[in-house]
Amino acid sequence: MSTIDAWIQHPTSAMLESPIFATLRRWTGGIAQDIPLEITVKAMQDAGIGKALMSAWYGPDGVMISNEQVARNVSAYPDLFHGVVGVDLRNPVKAVRELRKWVKEHDFVALRVIQWLWDKPCTHPLYYPLFSECVELDVPVCLQVGLTGPLCGSETGRPLHIERVALDFPDLKIVCGHVGHPWTAEMIAFATKFENVYIDTSAYKPTRYPPELVYYMKHHGKRKVLFGSNYPMITPADCLNCLDVLGLDDEIKKLFLSENAARVFKLN
C-alpha cells in the first residue's frame, strides 16, 4: 500500500530560525538551517510514502517557505510531491490571484493557511475571498485545529470556527489538521455534520490519537480521516511504525493511509 502524507513541509532556515519555532527546534534536535531536499525525500521513502503534500508557509512577518521553493521541490520529484499554496492574507486580491496561478499553472492541489500565524480565526473576512476561489477551483483548504505547538495562541484553532465556515461555504472541502485536541470531540461532531469537512492526523503519532478519534475512524468516520505526519516535526516512519496500536482492519487502513486523501485532493 502506497501511503499519502497529507501534511509535510520541507523546512527552510527562514522557518526554523523563527522564534515561534523554538519548540520545533527542540523536537528536531536544534536544526535551524536549510537542509538538502534529499533528506526529506529519504524520510518519505523510508516510510513508504507514495505521495506527500508539501506546503508553502506565509505569515505576517514574511515568507517562510515560498510557493516558488515548493514548486522547485515538486519539479525535482514530481511523482512524490504535490504542492500546497501559501498566500499573504493581507492583500486579498493578490492572494486570490496567487492561489489561482499556482493551482491552474503549476497544478498545486490545495491552499493552506495557518491561522495561528496570523492570529485570525478562519471566520475572519480576509479568508473568505480565498474560500470562494477554492470552491471555484475545486481544491480543498487546509487549516489547523487544536492547540498550537509553536509559541503562539491557540484560540484560532478552535473547531467551532470551522462550523461557521462550513455553513457559509457548503461546497468547500475543508481539511482540518492536528486532530483538534483538546477539542477533538467537537471536531468529530463537525466532520460528521458536514459532508465536506475532514480531519488529518498530522502532528500526532498513533499512540497519541485521542480514543474518540480512533473510534470515529473505525466506524462512521472511516472515510473522513486522512493520514498526515507534519514532517519534520514528526517523521512519517515514526507515525507508521506504531500504526498497529490502532487495531485497524485492512479496509479502514487503506482508506486512512491513501484512499481518503486521494479522493479529497484528487490525486488519481
C-alpha atoms as a PDB file:
ATOM      1  CA  MET A   1       0.000   0.000   0.000  1.00  0.00           C
ATOM      2  CA  SER A   2       1.395   3.402  -1.008  1.00  0.00           C
ATOM      3  CA  THR A   3       0.714   5.921   1.754  1.00  0.00           C
ATOM      4  CA  ILE A   4      -0.219   9.563   1.160  1.00  0.00           C
ATOM      5  CA  ASP A   5       1.060  12.062   3.713  1.00  0.00           C
ATOM      6  CA  ALA A   6      -1.416  14.959   3.804  1.00  0.00           C
ATOM      7  CA  TRP A   7       0.824  17.470   5.613  1.00  0.00           C
ATOM      8  CA  ILE A   8       4.562  17.930   5.278  1.00  0.00           C
ATOM      9  CA  GLN A   9       6.895  20.836   4.696  1.00  0.00           C
ATOM     10  CA  HIS A  10      10.494  20.936   3.545  1.00  0.00           C
ATOM     11  CA  PRO A  11      11.843  23.390   6.127  1.00  0.00           C
ATOM     12  CA  THR A  12      13.998  26.398   5.349  1.00  0.00           C
ATOM     13  CA  SER A  13      16.278  28.404   7.622  1.00  0.00           C
ATOM     14  CA  ALA A  14      13.743  31.264   7.434  1.00  0.00           C
ATOM     15  CA  MET A  15      11.206  28.945   9.033  1.00  0.00           C
ATOM     16  CA  LEU A  16      13.425  27.150  11.522  1.00  0.00           C
ATOM     17  CA  GLU A  17      15.154  30.286  12.808  1.00  0.00           C
ATOM     18  CA  SER A  18      11.885  31.985  13.717  1.00  0.00           C
ATOM     19  CA  PRO A  19      11.431  32.485  17.489  1.00  0.00           C
ATOM     20  CA  ILE A  20       7.970  30.931  17.333  1.00  0.00           C
ATOM     21  CA  PHE A  21       9.532  27.608  16.304  1.00  0.00           C
ATOM     22  CA  ALA A  22      11.701  27.191  19.388  1.00  0.00           C
ATOM     23  CA  THR A  23       9.619  24.141  20.246  1.00  0.00           C
ATOM     24  CA  LEU A  24      10.164  22.641  16.779  1.00  0.00           C
ATOM     25  CA  ARG A  25      13.919  23.131  17.115  1.00  0.00           C
ATOM     26  CA  ARG A  26      13.834  21.241  20.403  1.00  0.00           C
ATOM     27  CA  TRP A  27      11.806  18.413  18.891  1.00  0.00           C
ATOM     28  CA  THR A  28      14.058  18.086  15.834  1.00  0.00           C
ATOM     29  CA  GLY A  29      17.418  18.301  17.581  1.00  0.00           C
ATOM     30  CA  GLY A  30      18.070  22.005  17.204  1.00  0.00           C
ATOM     31  CA  ILE A  31      18.305  22.142  13.402  1.00  0.00           C
ATOM     32  CA  ALA A  32      17.923  25.750  12.238  1.00  0.00           C
ATOM     33  CA  GLN A  33      19.336  25.779   8.720  1.00  0.00           C
ATOM     34  CA  ASP A  34      18.411  24.794   5.196  1.00  0.00           C
ATOM     35  CA  ILE A  35      18.637  21.058   4.709  1.00  0.00           C
ATOM     36  CA  PRO A  36      19.080  19.198   1.408  1.00  0.00           C
ATOM     37  CA  LEU A  37      15.863  18.147  -0.271  1.00  0.00           C
ATOM     38  CA  GLU A  38      17.236  14.620  -0.434  1.00  0.00           C
ATOM     39  CA  ILE A  39      16.902  14.304   3.338  1.00  0.00           C
ATOM     40  CA  THR A  40      13.169  14.968   3.086  1.00  0.00           C
ATOM     41  CA  VAL A  41      12.893  12.590   0.128  1.00  0.00           C
ATOM     42  CA  LYS A  42      14.657   9.854   2.084  1.00  0.00           C
ATOM     43  CA  ALA A  43      12.338  10.375   5.062  1.00  0.00           C
ATOM     44  CA  MET A  44       9.381   9.811   2.733  1.00  0.00           C
ATOM     45  CA  GLN A  45      10.910   6.797   1.010  1.00  0.00           C
ATOM     46  CA  ASP A  46      11.971   5.153   4.266  1.00  0.00           C
ATOM     47  CA  ALA A  47       8.344   5.265   5.405  1.00  0.00           C
ATOM     48  CA  GLY A  48       6.877   4.020   2.115  1.00  0.00           C
ATOM     49  CA  ILE A  49       5.213   7.350   1.354  1.00  0.00           C
ATOM     50  CA  GLY A  50       3.998   7.324  -2.245  1.00  0.00           C
ATOM     51  CA  LYS A  51       2.810  10.928  -2.322  1.00  0.00           C
ATOM     52  CA  ALA A  52       3.283  13.852   0.065  1.00  0.00           C
ATOM     53  CA  LEU A  53       1.525  17.223   0.119  1.00  0.00           C
ATOM     54  CA  MET A  54       4.243  19.838   0.599  1.00  0.00           C
ATOM     55  CA  SER A  55       3.133  23.211   1.963  1.00  0.00           C
ATOM     56  CA  ALA A  56       4.326  26.744   1.424  1.00  0.00           C
ATOM     57  CA  TRP A  57       4.270  28.961   4.534  1.00  0.00           C
ATOM     58  CA  TYR A  58       3.320  32.633   4.518  1.00  0.00           C
ATOM     59  CA  GLY A  59       2.863  34.773   7.630  1.00  0.00           C
ATOM     60  CA  PRO A  60       2.626  38.422   8.664  1.00  0.00           C
ATOM     61  CA  ASP A  61       6.399  38.581   9.229  1.00  0.00           C
ATOM     62  CA  GLY A  62       7.161  37.398   5.699  1.00  0.00           C
ATOM     63  CA  VAL A  63       7.649  34.275   3.643  1.00  0.00           C
ATOM     64  CA  MET A  64       8.983  31.201   5.446  1.00  0.00           C
ATOM     65  CA  ILE A  65       8.635  28.738   2.558  1.00  0.00           C
ATOM     66  CA  SER A  66       7.674  30.263  -0.788  1.00  0.00           C
ATOM     67  CA  ASN A  67       5.433  28.795  -3.455  1.00  0.00           C
ATOM     68  CA  GLU A  68       8.426  29.013  -5.787  1.00  0.00           C
ATOM     69  CA  GLN A  69      10.524  26.881  -3.440  1.00  0.00           C
ATOM     70  CA  VAL A  70       7.759  24.296  -3.193  1.00  0.00           C
ATOM     71  CA  ALA A  71       7.383  24.283  -6.977  1.00  0.00           C
ATOM     72  CA  ARG A  72      11.103  23.575  -7.407  1.00  0.00           C
ATOM     73  CA  ASN A  73      10.876  20.665  -4.982  1.00  0.00           C
ATOM     74  CA  VAL A  74       7.828  19.272  -6.766  1.00  0.00           C
ATOM     75  CA  SER A  75       9.574  19.644 -10.120  1.00  0.00           C
ATOM     76  CA  ALA A  76      12.558  17.688  -8.798  1.00  0.00           C
ATOM     77  CA  TYR A  77      10.351  14.821  -7.565  1.00  0.00           C
ATOM     78  CA  PRO A  78       7.020  15.085  -9.421  1.00  0.00           C
ATOM     79  CA  ASP A  79       5.946  11.528  -8.622  1.00  0.00           C
ATOM     80  CA  LEU A  80       6.408  12.075  -4.894  1.00  0.00           C
ATOM     81  CA  PHE A  81       5.400  15.654  -4.076  1.00  0.00           C
ATOM     82  CA  HIS A  82       2.286  17.761  -4.684  1.00  0.00           C
ATOM     83  CA  GLY A  83       2.351  21.470  -3.917  1.00  0.00           C
ATOM     84  CA  VAL A  84       0.063  23.245  -1.451  1.00  0.00           C
ATOM     85  CA  VAL A  85      -0.288  27.008  -1.925  1.00  0.00           C
ATOM     86  CA  GLY A  86       0.519  29.626   0.712  1.00  0.00           C
ATOM     87  CA  VAL A  87      -0.566  33.279   0.438  1.00  0.00           C
ATOM     88  CA  ASP A  88      -0.338  36.620   2.225  1.00  0.00           C
ATOM     89  CA  LEU A  89      -3.773  37.197   3.746  1.00  0.00           C
ATOM     90  CA  ARG A  90      -3.285  40.957   3.992  1.00  0.00           C
ATOM     91  CA  ASN A  91      -3.701  41.541   0.263  1.00  0.00           C
ATOM     92  CA  PRO A  92      -6.902  39.657  -0.623  1.00  0.00           C
ATOM     93  CA  VAL A  93      -6.908  40.431  -4.355  1.00  0.00           C
ATOM     94  CA  LYS A  94      -3.272  39.419  -4.810  1.00  0.00           C
ATOM     95  CA  ALA A  95      -3.811  36.382  -2.590  1.00  0.00           C
ATOM     96  CA  VAL A  96      -6.660  35.131  -4.769  1.00  0.00           C
ATOM     97  CA  ARG A  97      -4.575  35.689  -7.901  1.00  0.00           C
ATOM     98  CA  GLU A  98      -1.679  33.774  -6.354  1.00  0.00           C
ATOM     99  CA  LEU A  99      -3.948  30.884  -5.417  1.00  0.00           C
ATOM    100  CA  ARG A 100      -5.395  30.769  -8.921  1.00  0.00           C
ATOM    101  CA  LYS A 101      -1.949  30.938 -10.526  1.00  0.00           C
ATOM    102  CA  TRP A 102      -0.375  28.113  -8.545  1.00  0.00           C
ATOM    103  CA  VAL A 103      -3.368  25.805  -8.934  1.00  0.00           C
ATOM    104  CA  LYS A 104      -4.026  26.461 -12.623  1.00  0.00           C
ATOM    105  CA  GLU A 105      -0.484  26.928 -13.902  1.00  0.00           C
ATOM    106  CA  HIS A 106       1.510  24.693 -11.561  1.00  0.00           C
ATOM    107  CA  ASP A 107      -1.011  22.015 -10.510  1.00  0.00           C
ATOM    108  CA  PHE A 108      -0.881  22.736  -6.780  1.00  0.00           C
ATOM    109  CA  VAL A 109      -3.656  20.715  -5.158  1.00  0.00           C
ATOM    110  CA  ALA A 110      -4.801  22.802  -2.167  1.00  0.00           C
ATOM    111  CA  LEU A 111      -4.473  26.017  -0.171  1.00  0.00           C
ATOM    112  CA  ARG A 112      -3.022  26.016   3.328  1.00  0.00           C
ATOM    113  CA  VAL A 113      -3.494  28.847   5.809  1.00  0.00           C
ATOM    114  CA  ILE A 114      -2.048  28.526   9.310  1.00  0.00           C
ATOM    115  CA  GLN A 115      -4.483  30.575  11.378  1.00  0.00           C
ATOM    116  CA  TRP A 116      -2.273  30.971  14.452  1.00  0.00           C
ATOM    117  CA  LEU A 117       0.446  32.607  12.346  1.00  0.00           C
ATOM    118  CA  TRP A 118      -1.984  35.404  11.520  1.00  0.00           C
ATOM    119  CA  ASP A 119      -3.743  35.437  14.899  1.00  0.00           C
ATOM    120  CA  LYS A 120      -7.016  35.382  12.970  1.00  0.00           C
ATOM    121  CA  PRO A 121      -9.635  32.615  13.104  1.00  0.00           C
ATOM    122  CA  CYS A 122     -10.798  31.243   9.774  1.00  0.00           C
ATOM    123  CA  THR A 123     -14.036  33.228  10.078  1.00  0.00           C
ATOM    124  CA  HIS A 124     -12.144  36.499   9.554  1.00  0.00           C
ATOM    125  CA  PRO A 125     -13.229  38.345   6.362  1.00  0.00           C
ATOM    126  CA  LEU A 126      -9.715  38.106   4.872  1.00  0.00           C
ATOM    127  CA  TYR A 127     -10.172  34.358   4.397  1.00  0.00           C
ATOM    128  CA  TYR A 128     -13.496  34.481   2.585  1.00  0.00           C
ATOM    129  CA  PRO A 129     -12.316  35.525  -0.910  1.00  0.00           C
ATOM    130  CA  LEU A 130      -9.853  32.633  -0.777  1.00  0.00           C
ATOM    131  CA  PHE A 131     -12.519  30.171   0.301  1.00  0.00           C
ATOM    132  CA  SER A 132     -14.715  31.284  -2.579  1.00  0.00           C
ATOM    133  CA  GLU A 133     -11.840  30.803  -5.032  1.00  0.00           C
ATOM    134  CA  CYS A 134     -11.125  27.334  -3.616  1.00  0.00           C
ATOM    135  CA  VAL A 135     -14.713  26.376  -4.412  1.00  0.00           C
ATOM    136  CA  GLU A 136     -14.347  27.720  -7.963  1.00  0.00           C
ATOM    137  CA  LEU A 137     -11.058  25.849  -8.438  1.00  0.00           C
ATOM    138  CA  ASP A 138     -12.411  22.731  -6.680  1.00  0.00           C
ATOM    139  CA  VAL A 139      -9.436  22.446  -4.333  1.00  0.00           C
ATOM    140  CA  PRO A 140      -9.516  21.955  -0.561  1.00  0.00           C
ATOM    141  CA  VAL A 141      -8.405  24.480   2.014  1.00  0.00           C
ATOM    142  CA  CYS A 142      -6.176  23.008   4.725  1.00  0.00           C
ATOM    143  CA  LEU A 143      -6.488  24.609   8.153  1.00  0.00           C
ATOM    144  CA  GLN A 144      -5.156  23.891  11.634  1.00  0.00           C
ATOM    145  CA  VAL A 145      -7.306  22.858  14.572  1.00  0.00           C
ATOM    146  CA  GLY A 146      -6.446  22.336  18.230  1.00  0.00           C
ATOM    147  CA  LEU A 147      -3.649  23.609  20.430  1.00  0.00           C
ATOM    148  CA  THR A 148      -0.555  25.058  18.766  1.00  0.00           C
ATOM    149  CA  GLY A 149       2.859  23.539  19.356  1.00  0.00           C
ATOM    150  CA  PRO A 150       4.711  26.727  18.332  1.00  0.00           C
ATOM    151  CA  LEU A 151       4.796  29.688  20.677  1.00  0.00           C
ATOM    152  CA  CYS A 152       1.520  31.306  19.568  1.00  0.00           C
ATOM    153  CA  GLY A 153      -2.004  31.365  20.946  1.00  0.00           C
ATOM    154  CA  SER A 154      -4.425  28.515  20.311  1.00  0.00           C
ATOM    155  CA  GLU A 155      -7.763  30.363  20.172  1.00  0.00           C
ATOM    156  CA  THR A 156      -7.724  30.468  16.359  1.00  0.00           C
ATOM    157  CA  GLY A 157      -7.625  26.660  16.269  1.00  0.00           C
ATOM    158  CA  ARG A 158     -10.949  26.033  17.957  1.00  0.00           C
ATOM    159  CA  PRO A 159     -13.067  23.748  15.733  1.00  0.00           C
ATOM    160  CA  LEU A 160     -16.118  25.909  16.425  1.00  0.00           C
ATOM    161  CA  HIS A 161     -14.742  28.365  13.833  1.00  0.00           C
ATOM    162  CA  ILE A 162     -14.810  25.563  11.236  1.00  0.00           C
ATOM    163  CA  GLU A 163     -18.551  25.156  11.719  1.00  0.00           C
ATOM    164  CA  ARG A 164     -19.224  28.756  10.649  1.00  0.00           C
ATOM    165  CA  VAL A 165     -17.094  28.385   7.515  1.00  0.00           C
ATOM    166  CA  ALA A 166     -18.757  25.098   6.592  1.00  0.00           C
ATOM    167  CA  LEU A 167     -22.176  26.747   6.927  1.00  0.00           C
ATOM    168  CA  ASP A 168     -21.133  29.700   4.755  1.00  0.00           C
ATOM    169  CA  PHE A 169     -19.352  27.543   2.149  1.00  0.00           C
ATOM    170  CA  PRO A 170     -21.114  24.167   1.937  1.00  0.00           C
ATOM    171  CA  ASP A 171     -19.203  23.195  -1.228  1.00  0.00           C
ATOM    172  CA  LEU A 172     -15.780  23.998   0.234  1.00  0.00           C
ATOM    173  CA  LYS A 173     -13.650  20.983   1.133  1.00  0.00           C
ATOM    174  CA  ILE A 174     -12.005  21.725   4.497  1.00  0.00           C
ATOM    175  CA  VAL A 175      -9.180  19.505   5.769  1.00  0.00           C
ATOM    176  CA  CYS A 176      -8.509  20.155   9.453  1.00  0.00           C
ATOM    177  CA  GLY A 177      -5.011  19.193  10.548  1.00  0.00           C
ATOM    178  CA  HIS A 178      -3.749  18.207  14.020  1.00  0.00           C
ATOM    179  CA  VAL A 179      -6.927  16.344  15.185  1.00  0.00           C
ATOM    180  CA  GLY A 180      -8.339  19.270  17.187  1.00  0.00           C
ATOM    181  CA  HIS A 181      -7.035  18.234  20.611  1.00  0.00           C
ATOM    182  CA  PRO A 182      -8.268  19.084  23.262  1.00  0.00           C
ATOM    183  CA  TRP A 183     -11.486  19.759  21.326  1.00  0.00           C
ATOM    184  CA  THR A 184     -11.375  16.519  19.328  1.00  0.00           C
ATOM    185  CA  ALA A 185     -14.953  15.505  20.135  1.00  0.00           C
ATOM    186  CA  GLU A 186     -16.110  18.884  18.807  1.00  0.00           C
ATOM    187  CA  MET A 187     -14.017  18.413  15.660  1.00  0.00           C
ATOM    188  CA  ILE A 188     -15.507  14.970  15.082  1.00  0.00           C
ATOM    189  CA  ALA A 189     -19.011  16.386  15.514  1.00  0.00           C
ATOM    190  CA  PHE A 190     -18.411  18.915  12.722  1.00  0.00           C
ATOM    191  CA  ALA A 191     -16.758  16.359  10.430  1.00  0.00           C
ATOM    192  CA  THR A 192     -19.860  14.212  10.956  1.00  0.00           C
ATOM    193  CA  LYS A 193     -22.264  17.105  10.453  1.00  0.00           C
ATOM    194  CA  PHE A 194     -20.731  18.461   7.246  1.00  0.00           C
ATOM    195  CA  GLU A 195     -20.139  16.388   4.136  1.00  0.00           C
ATOM    196  CA  ASN A 196     -17.005  18.304   3.120  1.00  0.00           C
ATOM    197  CA  VAL A 197     -15.190  18.601   6.458  1.00  0.00           C
ATOM    198  CA  TYR A 198     -12.286  16.198   7.075  1.00  0.00           C
ATOM    199  CA  ILE A 199      -9.631  15.582   9.733  1.00  0.00           C
ATOM    200  CA  ASP A 200      -5.949  14.822   9.205  1.00  0.00           C
ATOM    201  CA  THR A 201      -3.779  13.325  11.916  1.00  0.00           C
ATOM    202  CA  SER A 202      -0.650  15.439  11.367  1.00  0.00           C
ATOM    203  CA  ALA A 203       1.497  16.262  14.415  1.00  0.00           C
ATOM    204  CA  TYR A 204       0.290  13.182  16.299  1.00  0.00           C
ATOM    205  CA  LYS A 205       1.672   9.666  16.460  1.00  0.00           C
ATOM    206  CA  PRO A 206      -0.970   6.903  16.576  1.00  0.00           C
ATOM    207  CA  THR A 207      -0.053   6.234  20.195  1.00  0.00           C
ATOM    208  CA  ARG A 208      -1.356   9.734  20.990  1.00  0.00           C
ATOM    209  CA  TYR A 209      -4.566   9.722  18.929  1.00  0.00           C
ATOM    210  CA  PRO A 210      -7.495  10.571  21.227  1.00  0.00           C
ATOM    211  CA  PRO A 211      -9.670   7.469  21.829  1.00  0.00           C
ATOM    212  CA  GLU A 212     -12.734   9.182  20.361  1.00  0.00           C
ATOM    213  CA  LEU A 213     -10.841   9.752  17.104  1.00  0.00           C
ATOM    214  CA  VAL A 214      -9.845   6.078  16.861  1.00  0.00           C
ATOM    215  CA  TYR A 215     -13.465   5.044  17.418  1.00  0.00           C
ATOM    216  CA  TYR A 216     -14.579   7.502  14.722  1.00  0.00           C
ATOM    217  CA  MET A 217     -12.023   6.095  12.262  1.00  0.00           C
ATOM    218  CA  LYS A 218     -13.323   2.579  12.834  1.00  0.00           C
ATOM    219  CA  HIS A 219     -16.998   3.421  12.469  1.00  0.00           C
ATOM    220  CA  HIS A 220     -18.925   6.292  10.851  1.00  0.00           C
ATOM    221  CA  GLY A 221     -15.787   8.352  10.183  1.00  0.00           C
ATOM    222  CA  LYS A 222     -13.782   5.827   8.196  1.00  0.00           C
ATOM    223  CA  ARG A 223     -13.987   7.995   5.055  1.00  0.00           C
ATOM    224  CA  LYS A 224     -13.295  11.236   6.920  1.00  0.00           C
ATOM    225  CA  VAL A 225      -9.807  10.848   8.434  1.00  0.00           C
ATOM    226  CA  LEU A 226      -6.548  11.285   6.484  1.00  0.00           C
ATOM    227  CA  PHE A 227      -3.021  10.347   7.471  1.00  0.00           C
ATOM    228  CA  GLY A 228      -0.547  13.191   7.998  1.00  0.00           C
ATOM    229  CA  SER A 229       2.801  13.461   9.763  1.00  0.00           C
ATOM    230  CA  ASN A 230       3.644  17.203   9.895  1.00  0.00           C
ATOM    231  CA  TYR A 231       7.237  16.359   8.936  1.00  0.00           C
ATOM    232  CA  PRO A 232       9.819  17.455  10.068  1.00  0.00           C
ATOM    233  CA  MET A 233       8.145  17.758  13.479  1.00  0.00           C
ATOM    234  CA  ILE A 234       7.485  14.012  13.276  1.00  0.00           C
ATOM    235  CA  THR A 235       8.770  11.709  10.564  1.00  0.00           C
ATOM    236  CA  PRO A 236       6.163   9.611   8.767  1.00  0.00           C
ATOM    237  CA  ALA A 237       8.124   6.497   9.747  1.00  0.00           C
ATOM    238  CA  ASP A 238       7.684   7.338  13.435  1.00  0.00           C
ATOM    239  CA  CYS A 239       3.939   7.567  12.827  1.00  0.00           C
ATOM    240  CA  LEU A 240       3.584   4.447  10.705  1.00  0.00           C
ATOM    241  CA  ASN A 241       5.832   2.206  12.808  1.00  0.00           C
ATOM    242  CA  CYS A 242       3.282   2.293  15.638  1.00  0.00           C
ATOM    243  CA  LEU A 243       0.157   2.169  13.484  1.00  0.00           C
ATOM    244  CA  ASP A 244      -0.785  -1.322  14.666  1.00  0.00           C
ATOM    245  CA  VAL A 245      -1.733   0.017  18.104  1.00  0.00           C
ATOM    246  CA  LEU A 246      -4.938   1.335  16.483  1.00  0.00           C
ATOM    247  CA  GLY A 247      -6.213  -2.113  15.513  1.00  0.00           C
ATOM    248  CA  LEU A 248      -7.489  -1.004  12.097  1.00  0.00           C
ATOM    249  CA  ASP A 249      -8.751  -3.615   9.655  1.00  0.00           C
ATOM    250  CA  ASP A 250      -7.422  -3.668   6.090  1.00  0.00           C
ATOM    251  CA  GLU A 251     -10.311  -1.659   4.610  1.00  0.00           C
ATOM    252  CA  ILE A 252     -10.053   1.155   7.133  1.00  0.00           C
ATOM    253  CA  LYS A 253      -6.254   1.181   6.972  1.00  0.00           C
ATOM    254  CA  LYS A 254      -6.382   1.629   3.198  1.00  0.00           C
ATOM    255  CA  LEU A 255      -8.924   4.450   3.483  1.00  0.00           C
ATOM    256  CA  PHE A 256      -6.934   6.193   6.191  1.00  0.00           C
ATOM    257  CA  LEU A 257      -3.493   5.870   4.618  1.00  0.00           C
ATOM    258  CA  SER A 258      -4.304   6.570   0.991  1.00  0.00           C
ATOM    259  CA  GLU A 259      -7.803   6.426  -0.435  1.00  0.00           C
ATOM    260  CA  ASN A 260      -9.367   9.265   1.548  1.00  0.00           C
ATOM    261  CA  ALA A 261      -6.575  11.692   0.650  1.00  0.00           C
ATOM    262  CA  ALA A 262      -6.546  10.570  -2.993  1.00  0.00           C
ATOM    263  CA  ARG A 263     -10.269  11.304  -3.208  1.00  0.00           C
ATOM    264  CA  VAL A 264     -10.271  14.616  -1.343  1.00  0.00           C
ATOM    265  CA  PHE A 265      -7.218  16.054  -3.129  1.00  0.00           C
ATOM    266  CA  LYS A 266      -7.979  14.380  -6.484  1.00  0.00           C
ATOM    267  CA  LEU A 267      -4.587  12.691  -6.683  1.00  0.00           C
ATOM    268  CA  ASN A 268      -5.666   9.921  -9.045  1.00  0.00           C
END
